N, C-alpha and C. Protein backbone atom coordinates (compact mmCIF):
# COMPACT_ATOMS: atom_id res chain seq x y z
N MET A 1 126.75 -180.25 38.35
CA MET A 1 128.06 -180.79 38.10
C MET A 1 128.63 -181.51 39.30
N GLY A 2 128.33 -181.05 40.51
CA GLY A 2 128.85 -181.65 41.72
C GLY A 2 128.45 -183.11 41.85
N MET A 3 127.22 -183.43 41.45
CA MET A 3 126.72 -184.80 41.57
C MET A 3 127.42 -185.73 40.58
N VAL A 4 127.74 -185.24 39.38
CA VAL A 4 128.42 -186.04 38.37
C VAL A 4 129.84 -186.34 38.82
N GLU A 5 130.53 -185.37 39.39
CA GLU A 5 131.89 -185.59 39.89
C GLU A 5 131.90 -186.61 41.02
N MET A 6 130.88 -186.56 41.89
CA MET A 6 130.80 -187.52 43.01
C MET A 6 130.62 -188.95 42.48
N LYS A 7 129.81 -189.13 41.42
CA LYS A 7 129.59 -190.47 40.86
C LYS A 7 130.90 -191.01 40.28
N GLY A 8 131.69 -190.16 39.65
CA GLY A 8 132.97 -190.57 39.09
C GLY A 8 133.96 -190.97 40.17
N GLN A 9 133.99 -190.23 41.27
CA GLN A 9 134.89 -190.56 42.37
C GLN A 9 134.49 -191.86 43.04
N VAL A 10 133.19 -192.04 43.21
CA VAL A 10 132.70 -193.30 43.81
C VAL A 10 133.06 -194.48 42.91
N PHE A 11 132.91 -194.31 41.60
CA PHE A 11 133.26 -195.37 40.67
C PHE A 11 134.75 -195.71 40.75
N ILE A 12 135.60 -194.69 40.79
CA ILE A 12 137.05 -194.92 40.86
C ILE A 12 137.42 -195.59 42.18
N ILE A 13 136.89 -195.13 43.29
CA ILE A 13 137.18 -195.73 44.61
C ILE A 13 136.69 -197.17 44.65
N THR A 14 135.49 -197.43 44.13
CA THR A 14 134.96 -198.80 44.11
C THR A 14 135.83 -199.70 43.25
N SER A 15 136.28 -199.20 42.10
CA SER A 15 137.15 -200.00 41.21
C SER A 15 138.47 -200.34 41.89
N VAL A 16 139.06 -199.37 42.57
CA VAL A 16 140.32 -199.61 43.27
C VAL A 16 140.13 -200.64 44.38
N LEU A 17 139.06 -200.53 45.14
CA LEU A 17 138.80 -201.50 46.22
C LEU A 17 138.58 -202.91 45.67
N ILE A 18 137.89 -203.02 44.54
CA ILE A 18 137.67 -204.34 43.93
C ILE A 18 139.00 -204.92 43.45
N LEU A 19 139.85 -204.10 42.84
CA LEU A 19 141.16 -204.58 42.39
C LEU A 19 142.03 -205.04 43.57
N ILE A 20 142.00 -204.29 44.66
CA ILE A 20 142.76 -204.69 45.85
C ILE A 20 142.23 -206.01 46.40
N ALA A 21 140.91 -206.16 46.44
CA ALA A 21 140.30 -207.41 46.94
C ALA A 21 140.70 -208.59 46.05
N LEU A 22 140.68 -208.39 44.73
CA LEU A 22 141.07 -209.47 43.82
C LEU A 22 142.54 -209.82 43.98
N LEU A 23 143.38 -208.83 44.19
CA LEU A 23 144.81 -209.07 44.40
C LEU A 23 145.04 -209.87 45.68
N ILE A 24 144.34 -209.53 46.73
CA ILE A 24 144.46 -210.25 48.01
C ILE A 24 144.00 -211.70 47.85
N VAL A 25 142.89 -211.91 47.14
CA VAL A 25 142.39 -213.27 46.91
C VAL A 25 143.41 -214.07 46.10
N ARG A 26 143.99 -213.45 45.09
CA ARG A 26 145.00 -214.13 44.27
C ARG A 26 146.22 -214.53 45.08
N ILE A 27 146.70 -213.64 45.92
CA ILE A 27 147.88 -213.93 46.75
C ILE A 27 147.57 -215.05 47.74
N ASN A 28 146.39 -215.04 48.34
CA ASN A 28 146.03 -216.05 49.33
C ASN A 28 145.78 -217.42 48.72
N THR A 29 145.37 -217.48 47.47
CA THR A 29 145.08 -218.78 46.84
C THR A 29 146.23 -219.28 45.99
N GLN A 30 147.27 -218.49 45.87
CA GLN A 30 148.42 -218.90 45.06
C GLN A 30 149.19 -219.98 45.81
N THR A 31 149.51 -221.06 45.12
CA THR A 31 150.28 -222.13 45.75
C THR A 31 151.74 -221.95 45.40
N PHE A 32 152.57 -222.18 46.39
CA PHE A 32 154.01 -222.07 46.19
C PHE A 32 154.58 -223.47 46.23
N GLU A 33 155.22 -223.86 45.16
CA GLU A 33 155.86 -225.17 45.10
C GLU A 33 157.34 -225.03 45.39
N ILE A 34 157.83 -225.90 46.25
CA ILE A 34 159.27 -225.97 46.48
C ILE A 34 159.80 -227.09 45.60
N LYS A 35 160.64 -226.74 44.70
CA LYS A 35 161.17 -227.73 43.78
C LYS A 35 162.11 -228.67 44.52
N ALA A 36 162.10 -229.92 44.11
CA ALA A 36 162.93 -230.93 44.77
C ALA A 36 164.40 -230.56 44.72
N GLU A 37 164.83 -229.95 43.63
CA GLU A 37 166.25 -229.61 43.51
C GLU A 37 166.69 -228.57 44.53
N GLU A 38 165.76 -227.74 44.98
CA GLU A 38 166.11 -226.72 45.95
C GLU A 38 166.37 -227.31 47.34
N THR A 39 165.84 -228.48 47.60
CA THR A 39 166.02 -229.11 48.90
C THR A 39 167.00 -230.28 48.83
N PHE A 40 167.64 -230.47 47.70
CA PHE A 40 168.51 -231.63 47.50
C PHE A 40 169.63 -231.69 48.53
N TYR A 41 170.38 -230.59 48.70
CA TYR A 41 171.50 -230.59 49.64
C TYR A 41 171.01 -230.81 51.07
N GLU A 42 169.88 -230.21 51.41
CA GLU A 42 169.32 -230.39 52.75
C GLU A 42 168.92 -231.85 52.98
N ASP A 43 168.33 -232.49 51.98
CA ASP A 43 167.96 -233.90 52.10
C ASP A 43 169.20 -234.78 52.25
N PHE A 44 170.26 -234.45 51.53
CA PHE A 44 171.50 -235.20 51.65
C PHE A 44 172.10 -235.04 53.05
N SER A 45 172.12 -233.83 53.55
CA SER A 45 172.63 -233.57 54.91
C SER A 45 171.80 -234.31 55.96
N ASN A 46 170.49 -234.29 55.79
CA ASN A 46 169.62 -235.00 56.73
C ASN A 46 169.89 -236.50 56.70
N LEU A 47 170.10 -237.04 55.52
CA LEU A 47 170.40 -238.47 55.39
C LEU A 47 171.68 -238.81 56.15
N LYS A 48 172.74 -238.04 55.93
CA LYS A 48 174.01 -238.29 56.63
C LYS A 48 173.83 -238.19 58.14
N ASN A 49 173.18 -237.14 58.58
CA ASN A 49 172.99 -236.94 60.03
C ASN A 49 172.18 -238.06 60.66
N GLU A 50 171.16 -238.52 59.98
CA GLU A 50 170.34 -239.61 60.53
C GLU A 50 171.09 -240.94 60.52
N LEU A 51 171.96 -241.15 59.56
CA LEU A 51 172.80 -242.35 59.59
C LEU A 51 173.73 -242.31 60.81
N ILE A 52 174.33 -241.15 61.06
CA ILE A 52 175.20 -241.00 62.24
C ILE A 52 174.40 -241.16 63.52
N ASN A 53 173.19 -240.59 63.57
CA ASN A 53 172.34 -240.74 64.75
C ASN A 53 171.97 -242.21 64.97
N THR A 54 171.71 -242.93 63.90
CA THR A 54 171.39 -244.36 64.01
C THR A 54 172.56 -245.12 64.61
N ILE A 55 173.77 -244.80 64.16
CA ILE A 55 174.97 -245.45 64.70
C ILE A 55 175.13 -245.11 66.17
N ASP A 56 175.04 -243.82 66.51
CA ASP A 56 175.20 -243.41 67.91
C ASP A 56 174.15 -244.03 68.81
N PHE A 57 172.90 -244.04 68.37
CA PHE A 57 171.83 -244.63 69.17
C PHE A 57 172.06 -246.12 69.37
N SER A 58 172.48 -246.80 68.32
CA SER A 58 172.72 -248.24 68.40
C SER A 58 173.85 -248.55 69.36
N ILE A 59 174.89 -247.76 69.34
CA ILE A 59 176.03 -248.01 70.22
C ILE A 59 175.65 -247.72 71.67
N LEU A 60 174.85 -246.70 71.88
CA LEU A 60 174.42 -246.37 73.25
C LEU A 60 173.49 -247.41 73.83
N THR A 61 172.61 -247.96 73.02
CA THR A 61 171.59 -248.87 73.55
C THR A 61 171.96 -250.34 73.44
N ASP A 62 172.39 -250.77 72.26
CA ASP A 62 172.66 -252.19 72.06
C ASP A 62 173.58 -252.36 70.86
N THR A 63 174.86 -252.45 71.11
CA THR A 63 175.85 -252.51 70.04
C THR A 63 175.61 -253.70 69.11
N ALA A 64 175.05 -254.77 69.63
CA ALA A 64 174.82 -255.96 68.81
C ALA A 64 173.84 -255.69 67.67
N ASN A 65 172.98 -254.70 67.85
CA ASN A 65 171.99 -254.40 66.82
C ASN A 65 172.42 -253.30 65.85
N LEU A 66 173.66 -252.88 65.89
CA LEU A 66 174.14 -251.80 65.04
C LEU A 66 173.89 -252.09 63.56
N GLU A 67 174.29 -253.24 63.11
CA GLU A 67 174.11 -253.56 61.69
C GLU A 67 172.63 -253.66 61.32
N ASN A 68 171.81 -254.30 62.16
CA ASN A 68 170.37 -254.41 61.88
C ASN A 68 169.71 -253.03 61.82
N ASN A 69 170.11 -252.14 62.74
CA ASN A 69 169.54 -250.79 62.74
C ASN A 69 169.94 -250.01 61.49
N LEU A 70 171.18 -250.18 61.06
CA LEU A 70 171.62 -249.53 59.82
C LEU A 70 170.84 -250.04 58.61
N VAL A 71 170.67 -251.35 58.54
CA VAL A 71 169.91 -251.95 57.42
C VAL A 71 168.48 -251.42 57.42
N ASP A 72 167.85 -251.38 58.60
CA ASP A 72 166.47 -250.89 58.69
C ASP A 72 166.37 -249.43 58.29
N PHE A 73 167.30 -248.60 58.77
CA PHE A 73 167.24 -247.18 58.42
C PHE A 73 167.49 -246.95 56.94
N ILE A 74 168.45 -247.65 56.38
CA ILE A 74 168.76 -247.49 54.95
C ILE A 74 167.56 -247.89 54.10
N SER A 75 166.89 -248.96 54.48
CA SER A 75 165.68 -249.39 53.77
C SER A 75 164.60 -248.31 53.85
N PHE A 76 164.40 -247.77 55.05
CA PHE A 76 163.41 -246.72 55.25
C PHE A 76 163.75 -245.47 54.43
N SER A 77 164.98 -245.00 54.54
CA SER A 77 165.36 -243.77 53.85
C SER A 77 165.34 -243.94 52.33
N THR A 78 165.70 -245.12 51.85
CA THR A 78 165.65 -245.37 50.40
C THR A 78 164.23 -245.22 49.89
N ASN A 79 163.26 -245.77 50.62
CA ASN A 79 161.86 -245.66 50.21
C ASN A 79 161.36 -244.22 50.25
N VAL A 80 161.71 -243.49 51.30
CA VAL A 80 161.26 -242.10 51.43
C VAL A 80 161.86 -241.24 50.33
N LEU A 81 163.15 -241.38 50.12
CA LEU A 81 163.82 -240.55 49.12
C LEU A 81 163.42 -240.93 47.69
N LYS A 82 163.09 -242.19 47.48
CA LYS A 82 162.63 -242.63 46.16
C LYS A 82 161.34 -241.92 45.78
N LYS A 83 160.46 -241.70 46.77
CA LYS A 83 159.21 -240.99 46.52
C LYS A 83 159.45 -239.53 46.14
N ARG A 84 160.59 -238.99 46.53
CA ARG A 84 160.95 -237.60 46.19
C ARG A 84 161.73 -237.52 44.87
N GLY A 85 161.95 -238.67 44.25
CA GLY A 85 162.65 -238.68 42.97
C GLY A 85 164.15 -238.83 43.08
N TYR A 86 164.63 -239.27 44.24
CA TYR A 86 166.07 -239.41 44.46
C TYR A 86 166.45 -240.88 44.43
N SER A 87 167.71 -241.10 44.11
CA SER A 87 168.28 -242.44 44.18
C SER A 87 169.38 -242.40 45.24
N GLU A 88 169.23 -243.21 46.25
CA GLU A 88 170.17 -243.24 47.39
C GLU A 88 171.03 -244.50 47.30
N ASN A 89 172.29 -244.35 47.67
CA ASN A 89 173.16 -245.51 47.78
C ASN A 89 174.00 -245.35 49.04
N VAL A 90 173.86 -246.28 49.96
CA VAL A 90 174.63 -246.27 51.20
C VAL A 90 175.29 -247.63 51.36
N THR A 91 176.62 -247.61 51.47
CA THR A 91 177.35 -248.83 51.79
C THR A 91 178.14 -248.57 53.06
N TYR A 92 178.38 -249.63 53.79
CA TYR A 92 179.10 -249.47 55.06
C TYR A 92 179.91 -250.71 55.36
N LEU A 93 180.89 -250.52 56.21
CA LEU A 93 181.72 -251.61 56.71
C LEU A 93 181.95 -251.32 58.19
N ILE A 94 181.67 -252.30 59.02
CA ILE A 94 181.85 -252.15 60.47
C ILE A 94 183.04 -253.01 60.89
N THR A 95 184.03 -252.39 61.52
CA THR A 95 185.16 -253.14 62.06
C THR A 95 185.20 -252.92 63.57
N ILE A 96 185.71 -253.93 64.26
CA ILE A 96 185.81 -253.86 65.72
C ILE A 96 187.27 -253.98 66.10
N ASN A 97 187.73 -253.02 66.88
CA ASN A 97 189.11 -253.02 67.35
C ASN A 97 189.05 -252.80 68.87
N GLY A 98 189.01 -253.91 69.62
CA GLY A 98 188.86 -253.82 71.07
C GLY A 98 187.49 -253.26 71.41
N ASP A 99 187.46 -252.14 72.14
CA ASP A 99 186.19 -251.51 72.49
C ASP A 99 185.74 -250.48 71.45
N THR A 100 186.51 -250.30 70.41
CA THR A 100 186.20 -249.28 69.41
C THR A 100 185.51 -249.90 68.20
N ARG A 101 184.43 -249.25 67.78
CA ARG A 101 183.73 -249.63 66.56
C ARG A 101 184.09 -248.57 65.52
N ILE A 102 184.55 -249.02 64.37
CA ILE A 102 184.87 -248.11 63.27
C ILE A 102 183.90 -248.43 62.14
N ILE A 103 183.14 -247.42 61.76
CA ILE A 103 182.14 -247.60 60.71
C ILE A 103 182.56 -246.74 59.52
N TYR A 104 182.77 -247.39 58.39
CA TYR A 104 183.09 -246.70 57.15
C TYR A 104 181.79 -246.58 56.36
N LEU A 105 181.36 -245.35 56.11
CA LEU A 105 180.12 -245.10 55.40
C LEU A 105 180.41 -244.41 54.07
N ASN A 106 179.82 -244.92 53.01
CA ASN A 106 179.83 -244.26 51.71
C ASN A 106 178.39 -243.91 51.40
N VAL A 107 178.10 -242.63 51.35
CA VAL A 107 176.74 -242.16 51.16
C VAL A 107 176.67 -241.35 49.87
N SER A 108 175.72 -241.70 49.01
CA SER A 108 175.52 -240.89 47.80
C SER A 108 174.03 -240.73 47.56
N LEU A 109 173.71 -239.59 46.96
CA LEU A 109 172.32 -239.27 46.63
C LEU A 109 172.34 -238.59 45.28
N ASN A 110 171.45 -239.03 44.39
CA ASN A 110 171.39 -238.34 43.11
C ASN A 110 169.95 -238.19 42.65
N SER A 111 169.77 -237.19 41.82
CA SER A 111 168.49 -236.92 41.18
C SER A 111 168.78 -236.69 39.71
N SER A 112 167.78 -236.24 39.00
CA SER A 112 167.99 -236.02 37.56
C SER A 112 169.00 -234.91 37.28
N LYS A 113 169.18 -233.98 38.25
CA LYS A 113 170.06 -232.84 38.01
C LYS A 113 171.22 -232.72 38.99
N SER A 114 171.21 -233.48 40.06
CA SER A 114 172.22 -233.29 41.11
C SER A 114 172.78 -234.63 41.58
N TYR A 115 174.02 -234.55 42.10
CA TYR A 115 174.66 -235.73 42.65
C TYR A 115 175.59 -235.29 43.77
N LEU A 116 175.47 -235.95 44.92
CA LEU A 116 176.37 -235.71 46.04
C LEU A 116 176.84 -237.04 46.59
N LYS A 117 178.10 -237.07 47.01
CA LYS A 117 178.66 -238.29 47.61
C LYS A 117 179.62 -237.86 48.70
N GLU A 118 179.62 -238.64 49.77
CA GLU A 118 180.56 -238.37 50.85
C GLU A 118 180.95 -239.70 51.50
N ASN A 119 182.23 -239.79 51.86
CA ASN A 119 182.74 -240.96 52.57
C ASN A 119 183.05 -240.53 53.99
N LEU A 120 182.52 -241.29 54.94
CA LEU A 120 182.69 -240.96 56.35
C LEU A 120 183.36 -242.11 57.08
N ILE A 121 184.17 -241.77 58.05
CA ILE A 121 184.73 -242.75 58.97
C ILE A 121 184.30 -242.34 60.37
N ILE A 122 183.56 -243.21 61.02
CA ILE A 122 183.01 -242.89 62.33
C ILE A 122 183.64 -243.83 63.36
N ASN A 123 184.32 -243.27 64.33
CA ASN A 123 184.92 -244.06 65.42
C ASN A 123 184.10 -243.86 66.69
N ARG A 124 183.69 -244.95 67.30
CA ARG A 124 182.96 -244.87 68.56
C ARG A 124 183.52 -245.92 69.51
N THR A 125 183.79 -245.50 70.73
CA THR A 125 184.27 -246.42 71.75
C THR A 125 183.09 -246.86 72.59
N VAL A 126 183.01 -248.17 72.81
CA VAL A 126 181.94 -248.74 73.61
C VAL A 126 182.47 -248.99 75.01
N TYR A 127 181.86 -248.36 75.98
CA TYR A 127 182.25 -248.54 77.37
C TYR A 127 181.33 -249.54 78.02
N THR A 128 181.93 -250.57 78.60
CA THR A 128 181.10 -251.61 79.24
C THR A 128 181.22 -251.56 80.73
């Protein structure tokens, strides 16, 4: 009887080890998808921040290229976000008052399920 009980225990232990191994393989090969809607707000925030960074960089380096840099960035971001299934709309108006540049930005981003819009007024003084 002792030998029969040992064979049953070995079978149970082997079965448990095989199940654990299969579970580990399943967990390691499982792909996790991040849905676009879960990153929508983060993408919108990144878009706004990069627009502001583009303005700040342009004013620090070469104020004359501010509008060209904005156009280039908007074109770039529109293409990137379009590949993610988003529709971007950015309009701006640049006014000059002495040494101060005032940039009015209207930024919107939408997808099939979400829509965000924000209007920004950015004042920057250019020191010469």
